[in-house]
Amino acid sequence: MPLAVCPECEAEIHVEDDVDKGEIIRCEECETALEVVGLDPIELDIASEDDEEEYYDDEGEGRY
């Protein structure tokens, strides 16, 4: 499982092997929504509010 670094808190994040560019994931340490902006190596950036909405399903539960 690839590792990335949270740009907010610098925690190491385990990223799924099949992650795609543009996906939104959540840092387990600081709960920041992060967008995958690079794949080799995995690079993350803080997601915009519009992108963060994609993370949640209709019941407010995180999808990833």
N, C-alpha and C. Protein backbone atom coordinates (compact mmCIF):
# COMPACT_ATOMS: atom_id res chain seq x y z
N MET A 1 0.85 -1.17 0.00
CA MET A 1 0.00 0.00 0.00
C MET A 1 0.91 1.24 0.00
N PRO A 2 0.74 2.12 -0.98
CA PRO A 2 1.58 3.32 -1.05
C PRO A 2 1.34 4.26 0.13
N LEU A 3 2.36 5.04 0.44
CA LEU A 3 2.27 6.04 1.49
C LEU A 3 2.31 7.43 0.87
N ALA A 4 1.59 8.34 1.49
CA ALA A 4 1.63 9.76 1.11
C ALA A 4 1.73 10.55 2.41
N VAL A 5 1.94 11.85 2.28
CA VAL A 5 2.05 12.71 3.46
C VAL A 5 0.94 13.75 3.41
N CYS A 6 0.25 13.91 4.54
CA CYS A 6 -0.80 14.92 4.65
C CYS A 6 -0.16 16.30 4.62
N PRO A 7 -0.60 17.18 3.71
CA PRO A 7 -0.03 18.52 3.64
C PRO A 7 -0.46 19.40 4.83
N GLU A 8 -1.45 18.98 5.57
CA GLU A 8 -1.94 19.76 6.71
C GLU A 8 -1.16 19.44 7.99
N CYS A 9 -1.04 18.13 8.32
CA CYS A 9 -0.43 17.75 9.60
C CYS A 9 0.85 16.92 9.43
N GLU A 10 1.21 16.61 8.18
CA GLU A 10 2.40 15.85 7.84
C GLU A 10 2.38 14.39 8.32
N ALA A 11 1.21 13.87 8.62
CA ALA A 11 1.08 12.46 8.99
C ALA A 11 1.22 11.60 7.74
N GLU A 12 1.76 10.39 7.91
CA GLU A 12 1.82 9.44 6.80
C GLU A 12 0.44 8.84 6.61
N ILE A 13 0.04 8.74 5.35
CA ILE A 13 -1.29 8.21 5.01
C ILE A 13 -1.10 7.02 4.10
N HIS A 14 -1.73 5.90 4.45
CA HIS A 14 -1.73 4.72 3.59
C HIS A 14 -2.82 4.93 2.55
N VAL A 15 -2.44 4.85 1.28
CA VAL A 15 -3.37 5.09 0.17
C VAL A 15 -3.59 3.77 -0.56
N GLU A 16 -4.82 3.49 -0.92
CA GLU A 16 -5.15 2.27 -1.65
C GLU A 16 -4.37 2.19 -2.96
N ASP A 17 -4.02 0.99 -3.38
CA ASP A 17 -3.26 0.79 -4.61
C ASP A 17 -4.00 1.29 -5.85
N ASP A 18 -5.32 1.22 -5.83
CA ASP A 18 -6.11 1.56 -7.01
C ASP A 18 -6.67 2.99 -6.97
N VAL A 19 -6.06 3.86 -6.16
CA VAL A 19 -6.52 5.25 -6.08
C VAL A 19 -6.32 5.94 -7.42
N ASP A 20 -7.24 6.83 -7.76
CA ASP A 20 -7.16 7.59 -9.01
C ASP A 20 -6.93 9.06 -8.72
N LYS A 21 -6.30 9.73 -9.65
CA LYS A 21 -6.10 11.17 -9.55
C LYS A 21 -7.46 11.84 -9.46
N GLY A 22 -7.60 12.78 -8.55
CA GLY A 22 -8.86 13.49 -8.37
C GLY A 22 -9.72 12.93 -7.26
N GLU A 23 -9.40 11.73 -6.75
CA GLU A 23 -10.18 11.16 -5.65
C GLU A 23 -9.95 11.96 -4.38
N ILE A 24 -10.96 11.95 -3.52
CA ILE A 24 -10.89 12.63 -2.23
C ILE A 24 -10.75 11.57 -1.15
N ILE A 25 -9.74 11.75 -0.30
CA ILE A 25 -9.54 10.86 0.83
C ILE A 25 -9.46 11.72 2.08
N ARG A 26 -9.50 11.10 3.24
CA ARG A 26 -9.49 11.83 4.50
C ARG A 26 -8.28 11.41 5.31
N CYS A 27 -7.56 12.38 5.87
CA CYS A 27 -6.44 12.09 6.76
C CYS A 27 -7.00 11.55 8.07
N GLU A 28 -6.49 10.41 8.50
CA GLU A 28 -6.98 9.81 9.75
C GLU A 28 -6.53 10.59 10.98
N GLU A 29 -5.46 11.35 10.86
CA GLU A 29 -4.94 12.09 12.01
C GLU A 29 -5.69 13.41 12.23
N CYS A 30 -5.82 14.23 11.19
CA CYS A 30 -6.40 15.56 11.37
C CYS A 30 -7.78 15.71 10.72
N GLU A 31 -8.25 14.66 10.03
CA GLU A 31 -9.58 14.65 9.40
C GLU A 31 -9.72 15.61 8.22
N THR A 32 -8.62 16.13 7.70
CA THR A 32 -8.67 17.02 6.55
C THR A 32 -9.00 16.23 5.28
N ALA A 33 -9.90 16.76 4.45
CA ALA A 33 -10.21 16.16 3.16
C ALA A 33 -9.08 16.49 2.21
N LEU A 34 -8.56 15.46 1.53
CA LEU A 34 -7.40 15.63 0.65
C LEU A 34 -7.71 15.10 -0.73
N GLU A 35 -7.23 15.80 -1.73
CA GLU A 35 -7.40 15.37 -3.12
C GLU A 35 -6.10 14.75 -3.61
N VAL A 36 -6.21 13.62 -4.30
CA VAL A 36 -5.05 12.99 -4.91
C VAL A 36 -4.72 13.80 -6.17
N VAL A 37 -3.52 14.43 -6.18
CA VAL A 37 -3.14 15.27 -7.31
C VAL A 37 -1.99 14.67 -8.12
N GLY A 38 -1.37 13.63 -7.61
CA GLY A 38 -0.29 12.96 -8.32
C GLY A 38 -0.27 11.49 -7.96
N LEU A 39 0.17 10.64 -8.91
CA LEU A 39 0.12 9.20 -8.68
C LEU A 39 1.49 8.54 -8.53
N ASP A 40 2.54 9.13 -9.07
CA ASP A 40 3.84 8.47 -9.01
C ASP A 40 4.94 9.50 -8.79
N PRO A 41 5.21 9.86 -7.55
CA PRO A 41 4.67 9.31 -6.30
C PRO A 41 3.30 9.91 -5.98
N ILE A 42 2.61 9.29 -5.01
CA ILE A 42 1.31 9.79 -4.57
C ILE A 42 1.50 11.17 -3.95
N GLU A 43 0.76 12.15 -4.45
CA GLU A 43 0.79 13.50 -3.91
C GLU A 43 -0.62 13.91 -3.53
N LEU A 44 -0.73 14.56 -2.39
CA LEU A 44 -2.03 15.01 -1.89
C LEU A 44 -2.02 16.51 -1.71
N ASP A 45 -3.20 17.12 -1.88
CA ASP A 45 -3.38 18.54 -1.63
C ASP A 45 -4.69 18.69 -0.87
N ILE A 46 -4.82 19.76 -0.12
CA ILE A 46 -6.06 19.99 0.62
C ILE A 46 -7.18 20.22 -0.38
N ALA A 47 -8.28 19.48 -0.20
CA ALA A 47 -9.42 19.55 -1.13
C ALA A 47 -10.19 20.85 -0.93
N SER A 48 -10.73 21.35 -2.01
CA SER A 48 -11.61 22.52 -1.92
C SER A 48 -12.94 22.08 -1.30
N GLU A 49 -13.75 23.02 -0.87
CA GLU A 49 -15.03 22.67 -0.26
C GLU A 49 -15.91 21.90 -1.24
N ASP A 50 -15.89 22.27 -2.52
CA ASP A 50 -16.69 21.57 -3.52
C ASP A 50 -16.23 20.12 -3.64
N ASP A 51 -14.92 19.90 -3.66
CA ASP A 51 -14.39 18.54 -3.75
C ASP A 51 -14.71 17.74 -2.51
N GLU A 52 -14.68 18.38 -1.35
CA GLU A 52 -14.93 17.69 -0.09
C GLU A 52 -16.34 17.11 -0.05
N GLU A 53 -17.31 17.79 -0.69
CA GLU A 53 -18.68 17.29 -0.72
C GLU A 53 -18.76 15.92 -1.38
N GLU A 54 -17.85 15.62 -2.33
CA GLU A 54 -17.86 14.33 -3.01
C GLU A 54 -17.50 13.19 -2.06
N TYR A 55 -16.85 13.50 -0.95
CA TYR A 55 -16.41 12.48 0.00
C TYR A 55 -17.59 11.87 0.75
N TYR A 56 -18.64 12.64 0.95
CA TYR A 56 -19.76 12.20 1.77
C TYR A 56 -20.90 11.64 0.94
N ASP A 57 -21.57 10.63 1.51
CA ASP A 57 -22.76 10.10 0.86
C ASP A 57 -23.98 10.89 1.36
N ASP A 58 -25.17 10.45 1.00
CA ASP A 58 -26.38 11.19 1.35
C ASP A 58 -26.65 11.24 2.85
N GLU A 59 -26.08 10.31 3.62
CA GLU A 59 -26.32 10.29 5.07
C GLU A 59 -25.20 10.96 5.84
N GLY A 60 -24.26 11.60 5.16
CA GLY A 60 -23.18 12.28 5.84
C GLY A 60 -22.04 11.35 6.25
N GLU A 61 -22.07 10.11 5.78
CA GLU A 61 -21.01 9.15 6.09
C GLU A 61 -19.92 9.25 5.03
N GLY A 62 -18.68 9.15 5.44
CA GLY A 62 -17.57 9.15 4.49
C GLY A 62 -17.62 7.92 3.60
N ARG A 63 -17.33 8.10 2.32
CA ARG A 63 -17.39 6.99 1.37
C ARG A 63 -16.08 6.25 1.25
N TYR A 64 -14.97 6.82 1.62
CA TYR A 64 -13.68 6.20 1.40
C TYR A 64 -13.03 5.80 2.71
